Amino acid sequence: MGLLNTLLCIPAVAMLLFAGLRMSISSGWLQIRGLPLAISSLFAGERRKFSSVAAVCTILGGNLGVGNISGTAIALSSGGPGFIVWMVLIITVASIIKYANCYISTSTRVQAQNGKTFGGPVVYVKHAFGVKWAPCVVAFVTAVCAITVGNLVQVNSLAIPMSLMDLPPLAAGILVAFALFFVSALGMNFIAKTVSGMVPAMVLLYIALCFVVLVKCYDNILPSLTLILTSFLNL
């Protein structure tokens, strides 16, 4: 398993950094330069099918939780305190990839026979590679990621604390399955409205709990920052 992780993770991180650095330089570090415009556009109030706030909340809903709590804790325990600096650097460099993905997805949207518009990697890879099997590969990889990272990891992260409360882990899977079926059956508009209503409260609660931890452990803030920087510099 260690060899498999090395063979998969190191090339993936290297390609991610290379692509992010190249796109960042060629775009003049748009992810930093355009941040004020992005924040101002968030509250511009333009009439769209989905508001900018709803779109941001939908994205945050998929990142807060497993992505930055469980994932960060696992990486910190295996990579050491210096991982925090690497995480910030990689996020800054690679965020332009996310922007490019969203931009290309919207600019290459197509209209189906029923009049609905759709886009995304499944659509634009066909234009990029000019072969019909490319969307099938993207769809397969996306399905695998949705089943593993998007479902198994999420449910497992919920089942662990439930087991500490003497609740069966199976209950977590059943609960998530019913919630997912209920929300999905009501359509994308309901999902956006539900997430845009839940995520602000979740974000505020997340920030409040982080603040509580910082206040209760304020004596460890400076030593922790020193440990993070020294671990990063020592590599």
C-alpha atoms as a PDB file:
ATOM      1  CA  MET A   1       0.000   0.000   0.000  1.00  0.00           C
ATOM      2  CA  GLY A   2       2.889   2.376   0.749  1.00  0.00           C
ATOM      3  CA  LEU A   3       4.391   1.739  -2.692  1.00  0.00           C
ATOM      4  CA  LEU A   4       0.987   2.277  -4.308  1.00  0.00           C
ATOM      5  CA  ASN A   5       0.544   5.593  -2.495  1.00  0.00           C
ATOM      6  CA  THR A   6       4.011   6.692  -3.612  1.00  0.00           C
ATOM      7  CA  LEU A   7       3.385   5.754  -7.239  1.00  0.00           C
ATOM      8  CA  LEU A   8       0.025   7.507  -7.314  1.00  0.00           C
ATOM      9  CA  CYS A   9       0.428  10.504  -5.004  1.00  0.00           C
ATOM     10  CA  ILE A  10       3.835  11.865  -6.009  1.00  0.00           C
ATOM     11  CA  PRO A  11       3.070  12.074  -9.778  1.00  0.00           C
ATOM     12  CA  ALA A  12      -0.381  13.512  -9.033  1.00  0.00           C
ATOM     13  CA  VAL A  13       0.992  16.257  -6.774  1.00  0.00           C
ATOM     14  CA  ALA A  14       3.814  16.994  -9.230  1.00  0.00           C
ATOM     15  CA  MET A  15       1.383  17.340 -12.151  1.00  0.00           C
ATOM     16  CA  LEU A  16      -0.944  19.464 -10.033  1.00  0.00           C
ATOM     17  CA  LEU A  17       1.849  21.856  -9.058  1.00  0.00           C
ATOM     18  CA  PHE A  18       3.259  22.009 -12.587  1.00  0.00           C
ATOM     19  CA  ALA A  19      -0.117  22.743 -14.162  1.00  0.00           C
ATOM     20  CA  GLY A  20      -1.062  25.236 -11.458  1.00  0.00           C
ATOM     21  CA  LEU A  21       2.268  27.066 -11.602  1.00  0.00           C
ATOM     22  CA  ARG A  22       2.260  27.257 -15.390  1.00  0.00           C
ATOM     23  CA  MET A  23      -1.325  28.526 -15.538  1.00  0.00           C
ATOM     24  CA  SER A  24      -0.695  30.970 -12.684  1.00  0.00           C
ATOM     25  CA  ILE A  25       2.320  32.506 -14.436  1.00  0.00           C
ATOM     26  CA  SER A  26       0.635  32.650 -17.852  1.00  0.00           C
ATOM     27  CA  SER A  27      -2.456  34.318 -16.354  1.00  0.00           C
ATOM     28  CA  GLY A  28      -0.465  36.781 -14.268  1.00  0.00           C
ATOM     29  CA  TRP A  29      -1.570  35.086 -11.028  1.00  0.00           C
ATOM     30  CA  LEU A  30      -5.219  35.729 -11.761  1.00  0.00           C
ATOM     31  CA  GLN A  31      -6.349  33.878  -8.627  1.00  0.00           C
ATOM     32  CA  ILE A  32      -4.679  36.601  -6.532  1.00  0.00           C
ATOM     33  CA  ARG A  33      -5.119  39.560  -8.879  1.00  0.00           C
ATOM     34  CA  GLY A  34      -8.812  38.890  -9.446  1.00  0.00           C
ATOM     35  CA  LEU A  35      -9.728  38.189  -5.828  1.00  0.00           C
ATOM     36  CA  PRO A  36     -11.141  41.710  -5.155  1.00  0.00           C
ATOM     37  CA  LEU A  37     -13.301  41.461  -8.294  1.00  0.00           C
ATOM     38  CA  ALA A  38     -14.523  38.016  -7.276  1.00  0.00           C
ATOM     39  CA  ILE A  39     -15.517  39.250  -3.816  1.00  0.00           C
ATOM     40  CA  SER A  40     -17.287  42.327  -5.216  1.00  0.00           C
ATOM     41  CA  SER A  41     -19.116  40.189  -7.800  1.00  0.00           C
ATOM     42  CA  LEU A  42     -20.365  37.942  -5.033  1.00  0.00           C
ATOM     43  CA  PHE A  43     -22.740  40.669  -3.851  1.00  0.00           C
ATOM     44  CA  ALA A  44     -23.384  42.349  -7.212  1.00  0.00           C
ATOM     45  CA  GLY A  45     -27.035  41.279  -7.195  1.00  0.00           C
ATOM     46  CA  GLU A  46     -27.296  40.268 -10.852  1.00  0.00           C
ATOM     47  CA  ARG A  47     -30.382  38.250 -11.777  1.00  0.00           C
ATOM     48  CA  ARG A  48     -29.365  34.689 -12.600  1.00  0.00           C
ATOM     49  CA  LYS A  49     -30.852  31.235 -12.227  1.00  0.00           C
ATOM     50  CA  PHE A  50     -28.506  30.702  -9.276  1.00  0.00           C
ATOM     51  CA  SER A  51     -27.195  33.612  -7.240  1.00  0.00           C
ATOM     52  CA  SER A  52     -23.472  34.004  -6.677  1.00  0.00           C
ATOM     53  CA  VAL A  53     -23.979  33.434  -2.961  1.00  0.00           C
ATOM     54  CA  ALA A  54     -25.854  30.180  -3.649  1.00  0.00           C
ATOM     55  CA  ALA A  55     -23.050  29.036  -5.957  1.00  0.00           C
ATOM     56  CA  VAL A  56     -20.380  29.793  -3.353  1.00  0.00           C
ATOM     57  CA  CYS A  57     -22.394  28.054  -0.646  1.00  0.00           C
ATOM     58  CA  THR A  58     -22.791  25.001  -2.869  1.00  0.00           C
ATOM     59  CA  ILE A  59     -19.013  24.814  -3.341  1.00  0.00           C
ATOM     60  CA  LEU A  60     -18.324  25.389   0.364  1.00  0.00           C
ATOM     61  CA  GLY A  61     -20.801  22.658   1.215  1.00  0.00           C
ATOM     62  CA  GLY A  62     -18.618  20.199  -0.663  1.00  0.00           C
ATOM     63  CA  ASN A  63     -15.391  21.354   0.976  1.00  0.00           C
ATOM     64  CA  LEU A  64     -16.146  22.110   4.599  1.00  0.00           C
ATOM     65  CA  GLY A  65     -16.083  18.976   6.682  1.00  0.00           C
ATOM     66  CA  VAL A  66     -14.218  15.955   5.343  1.00  0.00           C
ATOM     67  CA  GLY A  67     -12.035  18.037   3.029  1.00  0.00           C
ATOM     68  CA  ASN A  68     -10.575  20.399   5.600  1.00  0.00           C
ATOM     69  CA  ILE A  69     -11.152  18.546   8.877  1.00  0.00           C
ATOM     70  CA  SER A  70     -10.711  14.819   8.369  1.00  0.00           C
ATOM     71  CA  GLY A  71      -8.453  15.202   5.325  1.00  0.00           C
ATOM     72  CA  THR A  72      -6.246  17.796   6.980  1.00  0.00           C
ATOM     73  CA  ALA A  73      -6.000  15.760  10.182  1.00  0.00           C
ATOM     74  CA  ILE A  74      -4.965  12.630   8.280  1.00  0.00           C
ATOM     75  CA  ALA A  75      -2.390  14.541   6.215  1.00  0.00           C
ATOM     76  CA  LEU A  76      -1.069  16.306   9.321  1.00  0.00           C
ATOM     77  CA  SER A  77      -0.607  13.040  11.199  1.00  0.00           C
ATOM     78  CA  SER A  78       1.217  11.423   8.283  1.00  0.00           C
ATOM     79  CA  GLY A  79       3.134  14.421   6.909  1.00  0.00           C
ATOM     80  CA  GLY A  80       3.960  16.370  10.052  1.00  0.00           C
ATOM     81  CA  PRO A  81       3.336  20.028  10.993  1.00  0.00           C
ATOM     82  CA  GLY A  82       5.180  21.347   7.931  1.00  0.00           C
ATOM     83  CA  PHE A  83       2.341  20.000   5.813  1.00  0.00           C
ATOM     84  CA  ILE A  84       0.285  23.082   6.737  1.00  0.00           C
ATOM     85  CA  VAL A  85       2.613  25.381   4.769  1.00  0.00           C
ATOM     86  CA  TRP A  86       2.629  22.986   1.818  1.00  0.00           C
ATOM     87  CA  MET A  87      -1.162  22.921   1.913  1.00  0.00           C
ATOM     88  CA  VAL A  88      -1.406  26.719   1.743  1.00  0.00           C
ATOM     89  CA  LEU A  89       1.110  26.899  -1.117  1.00  0.00           C
ATOM     90  CA  ILE A  90      -0.580  24.151  -3.129  1.00  0.00           C
ATOM     91  CA  ILE A  91      -4.031  25.673  -2.635  1.00  0.00           C
ATOM     92  CA  THR A  92      -2.781  29.083  -3.779  1.00  0.00           C
ATOM     93  CA  VAL A  93      -1.028  27.725  -6.863  1.00  0.00           C
ATOM     94  CA  ALA A  94      -3.651  25.166  -7.847  1.00  0.00           C
ATOM     95  CA  SER A  95      -6.734  27.346  -7.363  1.00  0.00           C
ATOM     96  CA  ILE A  96      -6.269  28.671 -10.912  1.00  0.00           C
ATOM     97  CA  ILE A  97      -6.996  25.135 -12.154  1.00  0.00           C
ATOM     98  CA  LYS A  98     -10.425  25.294 -10.535  1.00  0.00           C
ATOM     99  CA  TYR A  99     -11.068  28.667 -12.155  1.00  0.00           C
ATOM    100  CA  ALA A 100     -10.019  27.349 -15.557  1.00  0.00           C
ATOM    101  CA  ASN A 101     -12.265  24.322 -15.149  1.00  0.00           C
ATOM    102  CA  CYS A 102     -15.278  26.501 -14.323  1.00  0.00           C
ATOM    103  CA  TYR A 103     -14.511  28.966 -17.127  1.00  0.00           C
ATOM    104  CA  ILE A 104     -14.110  26.284 -19.792  1.00  0.00           C
ATOM    105  CA  SER A 105     -17.181  24.436 -18.514  1.00  0.00           C
ATOM    106  CA  THR A 106     -19.393  27.496 -18.943  1.00  0.00           C
ATOM    107  CA  SER A 107     -17.883  28.646 -22.249  1.00  0.00           C
ATOM    108  CA  THR A 108     -18.307  25.235 -23.921  1.00  0.00           C
ATOM    109  CA  ARG A 109     -21.850  24.509 -22.763  1.00  0.00           C
ATOM    110  CA  VAL A 110     -24.156  22.860 -25.274  1.00  0.00           C
ATOM    111  CA  GLN A 111     -27.911  22.642 -25.575  1.00  0.00           C
ATOM    112  CA  ALA A 112     -29.669  19.298 -25.617  1.00  0.00           C
ATOM    113  CA  GLN A 113     -32.689  18.451 -27.746  1.00  0.00           C
ATOM    114  CA  ASN A 114     -35.004  19.057 -24.800  1.00  0.00           C
ATOM    115  CA  GLY A 115     -33.729  22.630 -24.544  1.00  0.00           C
ATOM    116  CA  LYS A 116     -31.685  22.153 -21.377  1.00  0.00           C
ATOM    117  CA  THR A 117     -28.120  23.460 -21.281  1.00  0.00           C
ATOM    118  CA  PHE A 118     -25.318  21.368 -19.815  1.00  0.00           C
ATOM    119  CA  GLY A 119     -21.536  21.475 -19.691  1.00  0.00           C
ATOM    120  CA  GLY A 120     -18.497  20.453 -17.701  1.00  0.00           C
ATOM    121  CA  PRO A 121     -15.453  18.225 -18.234  1.00  0.00           C
ATOM    122  CA  VAL A 122     -17.533  15.577 -19.997  1.00  0.00           C
ATOM    123  CA  VAL A 123     -18.348  18.158 -22.673  1.00  0.00           C
ATOM    124  CA  TYR A 124     -15.120  20.097 -23.052  1.00  0.00           C
ATOM    125  CA  VAL A 125     -12.751  17.105 -23.157  1.00  0.00           C
ATOM    126  CA  LYS A 126     -14.468  16.040 -26.367  1.00  0.00           C
ATOM    127  CA  HIS A 127     -13.564  19.410 -27.906  1.00  0.00           C
ATOM    128  CA  ALA A 128     -10.040  19.246 -26.459  1.00  0.00           C
ATOM    129  CA  PHE A 129      -9.109  15.729 -27.609  1.00  0.00           C
ATOM    130  CA  GLY A 130     -11.491  15.330 -30.543  1.00  0.00           C
ATOM    131  CA  VAL A 131     -12.354  11.723 -29.683  1.00  0.00           C
ATOM    132  CA  LYS A 132     -15.675  10.286 -28.578  1.00  0.00           C
ATOM    133  CA  TRP A 133     -14.267   8.049 -25.842  1.00  0.00           C
ATOM    134  CA  ALA A 134     -12.739  10.930 -23.818  1.00  0.00           C
ATOM    135  CA  PRO A 135     -16.063  11.891 -22.155  1.00  0.00           C
ATOM    136  CA  CYS A 136     -16.574   8.239 -21.198  1.00  0.00           C
ATOM    137  CA  VAL A 137     -13.213   8.193 -19.400  1.00  0.00           C
ATOM    138  CA  VAL A 138     -14.040  11.415 -17.539  1.00  0.00           C
ATOM    139  CA  ALA A 139     -17.480  10.093 -16.583  1.00  0.00           C
ATOM    140  CA  PHE A 140     -15.972   6.830 -15.297  1.00  0.00           C
ATOM    141  CA  VAL A 141     -13.281   8.575 -13.220  1.00  0.00           C
ATOM    142  CA  THR A 142     -15.869  11.015 -11.845  1.00  0.00           C
ATOM    143  CA  ALA A 143     -18.159   8.133 -10.874  1.00  0.00           C
ATOM    144  CA  VAL A 144     -15.302   6.340  -9.086  1.00  0.00           C
ATOM    145  CA  CYS A 145     -14.377   9.528  -7.199  1.00  0.00           C
ATOM    146  CA  ALA A 146     -18.032  10.139  -6.309  1.00  0.00           C
ATOM    147  CA  ILE A 147     -18.391   6.634  -4.893  1.00  0.00           C
ATOM    148  CA  THR A 148     -15.112   6.661  -2.945  1.00  0.00           C
ATOM    149  CA  VAL A 149     -14.255  10.222  -1.875  1.00  0.00           C
ATOM    150  CA  GLY A 150     -17.754  11.594  -2.298  1.00  0.00           C
ATOM    151  CA  ASN A 151     -19.605   8.797  -0.503  1.00  0.00           C
ATOM    152  CA  LEU A 152     -17.494   6.221   1.329  1.00  0.00           C
ATOM    153  CA  VAL A 153     -15.180   8.735   3.004  1.00  0.00           C
ATOM    154  CA  GLN A 154     -18.063  11.048   3.932  1.00  0.00           C
ATOM    155  CA  VAL A 155     -20.202   8.293   5.425  1.00  0.00           C
ATOM    156  CA  ASN A 156     -17.222   6.782   7.247  1.00  0.00           C
ATOM    157  CA  SER A 157     -16.405  10.181   8.775  1.00  0.00           C
ATOM    158  CA  LEU A 158     -19.989  10.326  10.042  1.00  0.00           C
ATOM    159  CA  ALA A 159     -20.054   6.704  11.214  1.00  0.00           C
ATOM    160  CA  ILE A 160     -16.936   7.035  13.411  1.00  0.00           C
ATOM    161  CA  PRO A 161     -18.373   9.648  15.833  1.00  0.00           C
ATOM    162  CA  MET A 162     -21.747   7.842  15.778  1.00  0.00           C
ATOM    163  CA  SER A 163     -20.020   4.626  16.878  1.00  0.00           C
ATOM    164  CA  LEU A 164     -18.507   6.539  19.802  1.00  0.00           C
ATOM    165  CA  MET A 165     -22.095   7.284  20.878  1.00  0.00           C
ATOM    166  CA  ASP A 166     -22.937   3.554  20.720  1.00  0.00           C
ATOM    167  CA  LEU A 167     -24.901   3.995  17.492  1.00  0.00           C
ATOM    168  CA  PRO A 168     -24.483   1.363  14.754  1.00  0.00           C
ATOM    169  CA  PRO A 169     -22.311   2.543  11.820  1.00  0.00           C
ATOM    170  CA  LEU A 170     -24.993   1.241   9.459  1.00  0.00           C
ATOM    171  CA  ALA A 171     -27.262   4.011  10.712  1.00  0.00           C
ATOM    172  CA  ALA A 172     -24.940   6.604   9.169  1.00  0.00           C
ATOM    173  CA  GLY A 173     -25.222   5.003   5.739  1.00  0.00           C
ATOM    174  CA  ILE A 174     -29.004   4.691   5.963  1.00  0.00           C
ATOM    175  CA  LEU A 175     -29.353   8.290   7.153  1.00  0.00           C
ATOM    176  CA  VAL A 176     -27.186   9.677   4.346  1.00  0.00           C
ATOM    177  CA  ALA A 177     -28.924   7.498   1.736  1.00  0.00           C
ATOM    178  CA  PHE A 178     -32.386   8.742   2.695  1.00  0.00           C
ATOM    179  CA  ALA A 179     -31.234  12.375   2.859  1.00  0.00           C
ATOM    180  CA  LEU A 180     -29.508  12.127  -0.538  1.00  0.00           C
ATOM    181  CA  PHE A 181     -32.538  10.482  -2.145  1.00  0.00           C
ATOM    182  CA  PHE A 182     -34.902  13.093  -0.725  1.00  0.00           C
ATOM    183  CA  VAL A 183     -32.825  16.079  -1.844  1.00  0.00           C
ATOM    184  CA  SER A 184     -31.934  14.624  -5.266  1.00  0.00           C
ATOM    185  CA  ALA A 185     -35.550  13.778  -6.047  1.00  0.00           C
ATOM    186  CA  LEU A 186     -36.522  17.435  -5.668  1.00  0.00           C
ATOM    187  CA  GLY A 187     -34.069  18.688  -8.312  1.00  0.00           C
ATOM    188  CA  MET A 188     -31.068  20.982  -8.631  1.00  0.00           C
ATOM    189  CA  ASN A 189     -32.955  24.155  -7.693  1.00  0.00           C
ATOM    190  CA  PHE A 190     -33.957  22.643  -4.360  1.00  0.00           C
ATOM    191  CA  ILE A 191     -30.378  21.459  -3.778  1.00  0.00           C
ATOM    192  CA  ALA A 192     -29.018  24.971  -4.381  1.00  0.00           C
ATOM    193  CA  LYS A 193     -31.642  26.547  -2.110  1.00  0.00           C
ATOM    194  CA  THR A 194     -31.110  23.944   0.605  1.00  0.00           C
ATOM    195  CA  VAL A 195     -27.332  24.244   0.549  1.00  0.00           C
ATOM    196  CA  SER A 196     -27.404  28.055   0.363  1.00  0.00           C
ATOM    197  CA  GLY A 197     -29.558  28.012   3.489  1.00  0.00           C
ATOM    198  CA  MET A 198     -27.581  25.413   5.436  1.00  0.00           C
ATOM    199  CA  VAL A 199     -24.006  26.312   4.543  1.00  0.00           C
ATOM    200  CA  PRO A 200     -23.954  29.882   5.981  1.00  0.00           C
ATOM    201  CA  ALA A 201     -25.043  28.473   9.344  1.00  0.00           C
ATOM    202  CA  MET A 202     -22.488  25.671   8.991  1.00  0.00           C
ATOM    203  CA  VAL A 203     -19.718  28.158   8.132  1.00  0.00           C
ATOM    204  CA  LEU A 204     -20.579  30.401  11.083  1.00  0.00           C
ATOM    205  CA  LEU A 205     -20.648  27.394  13.413  1.00  0.00           C
ATOM    206  CA  TYR A 206     -17.341  26.172  11.976  1.00  0.00           C
ATOM    207  CA  ILE A 207     -15.674  29.574  12.506  1.00  0.00           C
ATOM    208  CA  ALA A 208     -17.159  29.881  15.996  1.00  0.00           C
ATOM    209  CA  LEU A 209     -15.850  26.464  17.033  1.00  0.00           C
ATOM    210  CA  CYS A 210     -12.414  27.291  15.585  1.00  0.00           C
ATOM    211  CA  PHE A 211     -12.427  30.512  17.608  1.00  0.00           C
ATOM    212  CA  VAL A 212     -13.364  28.583  20.760  1.00  0.00           C
ATOM    213  CA  VAL A 213     -10.469  26.181  20.206  1.00  0.00           C
ATOM    214  CA  LEU A 214      -8.046  29.075  19.641  1.00  0.00           C
ATOM    215  CA  VAL A 215      -9.217  30.847  22.795  1.00  0.00           C
ATOM    216  CA  LYS A 216      -8.990  27.723  24.953  1.00  0.00           C
ATOM    217  CA  CYS A 217      -5.564  26.816  23.548  1.00  0.00           C
ATOM    218  CA  TYR A 218      -4.141  30.312  23.033  1.00  0.00           C
ATOM    219  CA  ASP A 219      -0.915  29.377  24.832  1.00  0.00           C
ATOM    220  CA  ASN A 220      -0.124  26.923  22.045  1.00  0.00           C
ATOM    221  CA  ILE A 221      -0.656  29.283  19.085  1.00  0.00           C
ATOM    222  CA  LEU A 222       2.865  30.737  18.842  1.00  0.00           C
ATOM    223  CA  PRO A 223       4.619  27.425  19.624  1.00  0.00           C
ATOM    224  CA  SER A 224       2.457  25.723  16.995  1.00  0.00           C
ATOM    225  CA  LEU A 225       3.305  28.343  14.355  1.00  0.00           C
ATOM    226  CA  THR A 226       6.995  27.996  15.215  1.00  0.00           C
ATOM    227  CA  LEU A 227       6.766  24.213  14.933  1.00  0.00           C
ATOM    228  CA  ILE A 228       4.988  24.462  11.563  1.00  0.00           C
ATOM    229  CA  LEU A 229       7.609  26.821  10.094  1.00  0.00           C
ATOM    230  CA  THR A 230      10.599  24.913  11.452  1.00  0.00           C
ATOM    231  CA  SER A 231       9.176  21.607  10.220  1.00  0.00           C
ATOM    232  CA  PHE A 232       8.596  23.116   6.790  1.00  0.00           C
ATOM    233  CA  LEU A 233      12.086  24.616   6.553  1.00  0.00           C
ATOM    234  CA  ASN A 234      13.701  21.404   7.737  1.00  0.00           C
ATOM    235  CA  LEU A 235      11.649  19.398   5.202  1.00  0.00           C
END
